[in-house]
Amino acid sequence: MQDWNFTGGAETMKLILMLGVIVSFLVAIFTASYDSKPGEEAEK
């Protein structure tokens, strides 16, 4: 097993949380852009 010089579990937890937030934002952005069909105006 590799030693990546983690100072503790807190650092990995921060990394996992940040990655989760970034992924959720990207998924929300891409799914929101696919809601409207091409050629139709978005209803406001």
N, C-alpha and C. Protein backbone atom coordinates (compact mmCIF):
# COMPACT_ATOMS: atom_id res chain seq x y z
N MET A 1 0.85 -1.20 0.00
CA MET A 1 0.00 0.00 0.00
C MET A 1 0.87 1.24 0.00
N GLN A 2 0.47 2.23 -0.78
CA GLN A 2 1.29 3.43 -0.89
C GLN A 2 1.04 4.38 0.27
N ASP A 3 2.09 5.11 0.64
CA ASP A 3 1.97 6.11 1.69
C ASP A 3 1.93 7.48 1.04
N TRP A 4 0.77 8.14 1.07
CA TRP A 4 0.63 9.42 0.41
C TRP A 4 0.80 10.61 1.35
N ASN A 5 1.38 10.35 2.53
CA ASN A 5 1.67 11.41 3.50
C ASN A 5 0.41 12.18 3.92
N PHE A 6 -0.67 11.46 4.17
CA PHE A 6 -1.86 12.11 4.72
C PHE A 6 -1.63 12.36 6.20
N THR A 7 -1.97 13.55 6.66
CA THR A 7 -1.76 13.88 8.06
C THR A 7 -2.84 13.28 8.94
N GLY A 8 -3.91 12.81 8.31
CA GLY A 8 -4.99 12.21 9.10
C GLY A 8 -6.22 12.02 8.26
N GLY A 9 -7.29 11.58 8.89
CA GLY A 9 -8.52 11.33 8.17
C GLY A 9 -9.21 12.61 7.75
N ALA A 10 -8.90 13.73 8.42
CA ALA A 10 -9.58 14.99 8.11
C ALA A 10 -9.25 15.47 6.70
N GLU A 11 -8.01 15.30 6.29
CA GLU A 11 -7.61 15.76 4.96
C GLU A 11 -8.34 14.99 3.87
N THR A 12 -8.41 13.67 4.01
CA THR A 12 -9.11 12.88 3.00
C THR A 12 -10.60 13.18 3.00
N MET A 13 -11.17 13.46 4.17
CA MET A 13 -12.59 13.78 4.24
C MET A 13 -12.87 15.10 3.53
N LYS A 14 -11.97 16.08 3.68
CA LYS A 14 -12.14 17.35 2.98
C LYS A 14 -12.07 17.13 1.47
N LEU A 15 -11.14 16.30 1.04
CA LEU A 15 -10.98 16.04 -0.39
C LEU A 15 -12.22 15.38 -0.97
N ILE A 16 -12.74 14.38 -0.26
CA ILE A 16 -13.94 13.68 -0.71
C ILE A 16 -15.14 14.64 -0.75
N LEU A 17 -15.27 15.49 0.25
CA LEU A 17 -16.37 16.45 0.28
C LEU A 17 -16.27 17.43 -0.88
N MET A 18 -15.07 17.95 -1.13
CA MET A 18 -14.90 18.90 -2.24
C MET A 18 -15.21 18.25 -3.58
N LEU A 19 -14.73 17.03 -3.78
CA LEU A 19 -15.01 16.33 -5.03
C LEU A 19 -16.51 16.08 -5.18
N GLY A 20 -17.17 15.71 -4.10
CA GLY A 20 -18.61 15.48 -4.15
C GLY A 20 -19.38 16.73 -4.53
N VAL A 21 -18.99 17.87 -3.95
CA VAL A 21 -19.66 19.13 -4.26
C VAL A 21 -19.44 19.52 -5.72
N ILE A 22 -18.20 19.37 -6.19
CA ILE A 22 -17.90 19.72 -7.58
C ILE A 22 -18.68 18.85 -8.55
N VAL A 23 -18.71 17.55 -8.29
CA VAL A 23 -19.44 16.63 -9.17
C VAL A 23 -20.93 16.94 -9.17
N SER A 24 -21.48 17.24 -7.99
CA SER A 24 -22.92 17.52 -7.93
C SER A 24 -23.26 18.81 -8.69
N PHE A 25 -22.39 19.82 -8.60
CA PHE A 25 -22.62 21.05 -9.36
C PHE A 25 -22.57 20.78 -10.86
N LEU A 26 -21.57 20.02 -11.31
CA LEU A 26 -21.46 19.72 -12.73
C LEU A 26 -22.67 18.95 -13.24
N VAL A 27 -23.13 17.96 -12.46
CA VAL A 27 -24.30 17.19 -12.86
C VAL A 27 -25.53 18.08 -12.94
N ALA A 28 -25.69 18.98 -11.97
CA ALA A 28 -26.85 19.88 -11.97
C ALA A 28 -26.81 20.80 -13.18
N ILE A 29 -25.63 21.31 -13.52
CA ILE A 29 -25.51 22.22 -14.66
C ILE A 29 -25.84 21.49 -15.96
N PHE A 30 -25.28 20.29 -16.14
CA PHE A 30 -25.50 19.57 -17.40
C PHE A 30 -26.94 19.09 -17.52
N THR A 31 -27.53 18.63 -16.44
CA THR A 31 -28.92 18.15 -16.53
C THR A 31 -29.87 19.32 -16.75
N ALA A 32 -29.58 20.48 -16.19
CA ALA A 32 -30.45 21.65 -16.38
C ALA A 32 -30.39 22.12 -17.82
N SER A 33 -29.25 21.98 -18.46
CA SER A 33 -29.13 22.44 -19.85
C SER A 33 -29.85 21.51 -20.81
N TYR A 34 -30.09 20.27 -20.42
CA TYR A 34 -30.75 19.32 -21.31
C TYR A 34 -32.28 19.27 -21.11
N ASP A 35 -32.81 20.08 -20.20
CA ASP A 35 -34.25 20.06 -19.96
C ASP A 35 -35.04 20.60 -21.15
N SER A 36 -34.54 21.68 -21.76
CA SER A 36 -35.29 22.27 -22.87
C SER A 36 -34.88 21.63 -24.18
N LYS A 37 -35.86 21.41 -25.06
CA LYS A 37 -35.55 20.79 -26.34
C LYS A 37 -34.97 21.83 -27.30
N PRO A 38 -34.11 21.42 -28.21
CA PRO A 38 -33.55 22.37 -29.18
C PRO A 38 -34.64 22.96 -30.07
N GLY A 39 -34.57 24.25 -30.34
CA GLY A 39 -35.55 24.89 -31.21
C GLY A 39 -36.73 25.46 -30.47
N GLU A 40 -36.87 25.16 -29.18
CA GLU A 40 -37.97 25.70 -28.40
C GLU A 40 -37.44 26.71 -27.41
N GLU A 41 -38.20 27.78 -27.24
CA GLU A 41 -37.81 28.79 -26.26
C GLU A 41 -38.13 28.29 -24.86
N ALA A 42 -37.28 28.61 -23.92
CA ALA A 42 -37.51 28.20 -22.54
C ALA A 42 -38.63 29.05 -21.95
N GLU A 43 -39.55 28.41 -21.26
CA GLU A 43 -40.65 29.15 -20.63
C GLU A 43 -40.13 29.88 -19.42
N LYS A 44 -40.62 31.12 -19.25
CA LYS A 44 -40.14 31.92 -18.11
C LYS A 44 -41.28 32.19 -17.16
